[in-house]
Amino acid sequence: MLTKEKIEEYKQKLEAERVRIEAEMDELDKPVDMSDNLGNREDEETDEAEEFSTNQGIAQPLKMEHEEVVAALHKIDIGGYGKCEKTGKDIEDEVLEVNPAARYCKEVVEELNEKGE
C-alpha cells in the first residue's frame, strides 16, 4: 500500500510530466512560417505540409500520454491511485517509479506483453 508521502511524490512527478507534455503539444500547434521571400512558394507549401504531417505523428502519442497522466492525477484525487485496473491489486513501487501513470500491476503487464498487446 502506498504511503501519503509516496503518493505525493508521484503526484509531483505526474504534474511535472503533464506540464512538459502540454508545452510540447503547444509547440506542435504553433504554425510554422517558412517563407523567407527567397524560395519557391511551392517548396514552402511542401515543407509546411511535411512539417504538419510530422507534427501530427508526434502529437497523437503525446495526446495519449497526456490522457494517461491526467487519469492518474484524477485517481490520486479520488483515492484510487496505485491500483491495477484489471486485478484491483496494488501496483508495485518499481512499476510506479518507472511510470507513475501506470494502470496495471506487473502480473498484468507481463500477460499483456505475452499476448502482444
Protein backbone atom coordinates (compact mmCIF):
# COMPACT_ATOMS: atom_id res chain seq x y z
CA MET A 1 0.00 0.00 0.00
CA LEU A 2 1.27 3.44 -0.91
CA THR A 3 2.03 5.96 1.81
CA LYS A 4 0.75 9.53 1.59
CA GLU A 5 4.34 10.66 1.07
CA LYS A 6 4.85 8.28 -1.88
CA ILE A 7 1.55 9.34 -3.43
CA GLU A 8 2.59 12.99 -3.09
CA GLU A 9 5.94 12.18 -4.71
CA TYR A 10 4.22 10.50 -7.66
CA LYS A 11 1.72 13.37 -7.90
CA GLN A 12 4.57 15.85 -8.25
CA LYS A 13 6.18 13.71 -10.96
CA LEU A 14 2.87 13.42 -12.78
CA GLU A 15 2.23 17.18 -12.56
CA ALA A 16 5.69 17.89 -13.97
CA GLU A 17 5.07 15.39 -16.77
CA ARG A 18 1.67 16.96 -17.53
CA VAL A 19 3.28 20.40 -17.82
CA ARG A 20 6.06 19.05 -20.07
CA ILE A 21 3.60 17.27 -22.37
CA GLU A 22 1.31 20.31 -22.61
CA ALA A 23 4.28 22.52 -23.50
CA GLU A 24 5.30 20.08 -26.26
CA MET A 25 1.73 19.93 -27.57
CA ASP A 26 1.52 23.74 -27.58
CA GLU A 27 4.80 23.90 -29.50
CA LEU A 28 3.48 21.44 -32.10
CA ASP A 29 0.32 23.51 -32.52
CA LYS A 30 2.24 26.64 -33.46
CA PRO A 31 2.07 27.42 -37.16
CA VAL A 32 5.42 27.40 -38.89
CA ASP A 33 6.19 30.20 -41.29
CA MET A 34 8.90 29.02 -43.61
CA SER A 35 8.73 31.92 -46.00
CA ASP A 36 11.95 33.80 -46.38
CA ASN A 37 10.88 35.57 -49.56
CA LEU A 38 13.78 33.89 -51.34
CA GLY A 39 12.38 30.46 -52.06
CA ASN A 40 9.79 28.97 -54.27
CA ARG A 41 6.20 29.16 -52.92
CA GLU A 42 5.55 25.54 -53.88
CA ASP A 43 8.62 24.42 -51.92
CA GLU A 44 7.42 26.39 -48.90
CA GLU A 45 3.98 24.79 -49.07
CA THR A 46 5.54 21.34 -49.41
CA ASP A 47 7.79 21.96 -46.42
CA GLU A 48 4.87 23.20 -44.34
CA ALA A 49 2.74 20.20 -45.32
CA GLU A 50 5.57 17.82 -44.40
CA GLU A 51 6.07 19.52 -41.05
CA PHE A 52 2.32 19.41 -40.35
CA SER A 53 2.28 15.70 -41.12
CA THR A 54 5.30 15.07 -38.91
CA ASN A 55 3.77 17.10 -36.09
CA GLN A 56 0.54 15.13 -36.31
CA GLY A 57 2.51 11.89 -36.00
CA ILE A 58 4.21 13.22 -32.88
CA ALA A 59 1.06 14.78 -31.41
CA GLN A 60 -1.04 11.59 -31.26
CA PRO A 61 1.24 9.67 -28.86
CA LEU A 62 1.63 12.86 -26.79
CA LYS A 63 -2.15 13.17 -26.51
CA MET A 64 -2.39 9.56 -25.37
CA GLU A 65 0.38 10.07 -22.83
CA HIS A 66 -1.35 13.23 -21.61
CA GLU A 67 -4.62 11.35 -21.14
CA GLU A 68 -2.83 8.68 -19.06
CA VAL A 69 -1.15 11.29 -16.86
CA VAL A 70 -4.40 13.21 -16.33
CA ALA A 71 -6.19 9.94 -15.50
CA ALA A 72 -3.52 9.06 -12.91
CA LEU A 73 -3.83 12.52 -11.33
CA HIS A 74 -7.61 12.05 -11.19
CA LYS A 75 -7.13 8.70 -9.46
CA ILE A 76 -4.97 10.44 -6.85
CA ASP A 77 -7.75 12.97 -6.28
CA ILE A 78 -10.43 10.29 -5.81
CA GLY A 79 -8.28 7.87 -3.82
CA GLY A 80 -7.86 5.12 -6.40
CA TYR A 81 -4.24 5.69 -7.36
CA GLY A 82 -1.84 2.75 -7.45
CA LYS A 83 -4.47 0.06 -8.05
CA CYS A 84 -4.33 -2.23 -11.07
CA GLU A 85 -7.28 -1.57 -13.38
CA LYS A 86 -7.61 -5.25 -14.20
CA THR A 87 -6.97 -7.05 -10.90
CA GLY A 88 -7.52 -4.36 -8.28
CA LYS A 89 -4.17 -5.29 -6.72
CA ASP A 90 -1.62 -2.69 -5.67
CA ILE A 91 0.72 -1.66 -8.48
CA GLU A 92 4.28 -2.37 -7.40
CA ASP A 93 6.51 0.56 -6.41
CA GLU A 94 9.11 -0.42 -9.01
CA VAL A 95 6.45 -0.11 -11.72
CA LEU A 96 5.28 3.29 -10.47
CA GLU A 97 8.86 4.51 -10.16
CA VAL A 98 9.37 3.88 -13.88
CA ASN A 99 5.90 5.04 -14.91
CA PRO A 100 3.86 6.96 -12.31
CA ALA A 101 0.87 6.83 -14.71
CA ALA A 102 0.92 3.01 -14.81
CA ARG A 103 -2.51 1.40 -14.99
CA TYR A 104 -1.55 -2.22 -14.41
CA CYS A 105 0.47 -4.32 -11.96
CA LYS A 106 3.49 -6.33 -13.14
CA GLU A 107 1.45 -9.51 -13.47
CA VAL A 108 -0.99 -7.93 -15.93
CA VAL A 109 1.79 -6.14 -17.85
CA GLU A 110 3.55 -9.48 -18.32
CA GLU A 111 0.29 -11.08 -19.52
CA LEU A 112 -0.28 -8.25 -21.99
CA ASN A 113 3.31 -8.49 -23.25
CA GLU A 114 2.93 -12.25 -23.79
CA LYS A 115 -0.25 -11.63 -25.80
CA GLY A 116 1.49 -8.89 -27.76
CA GLU A 117 -0.87 -6.11 -26.64
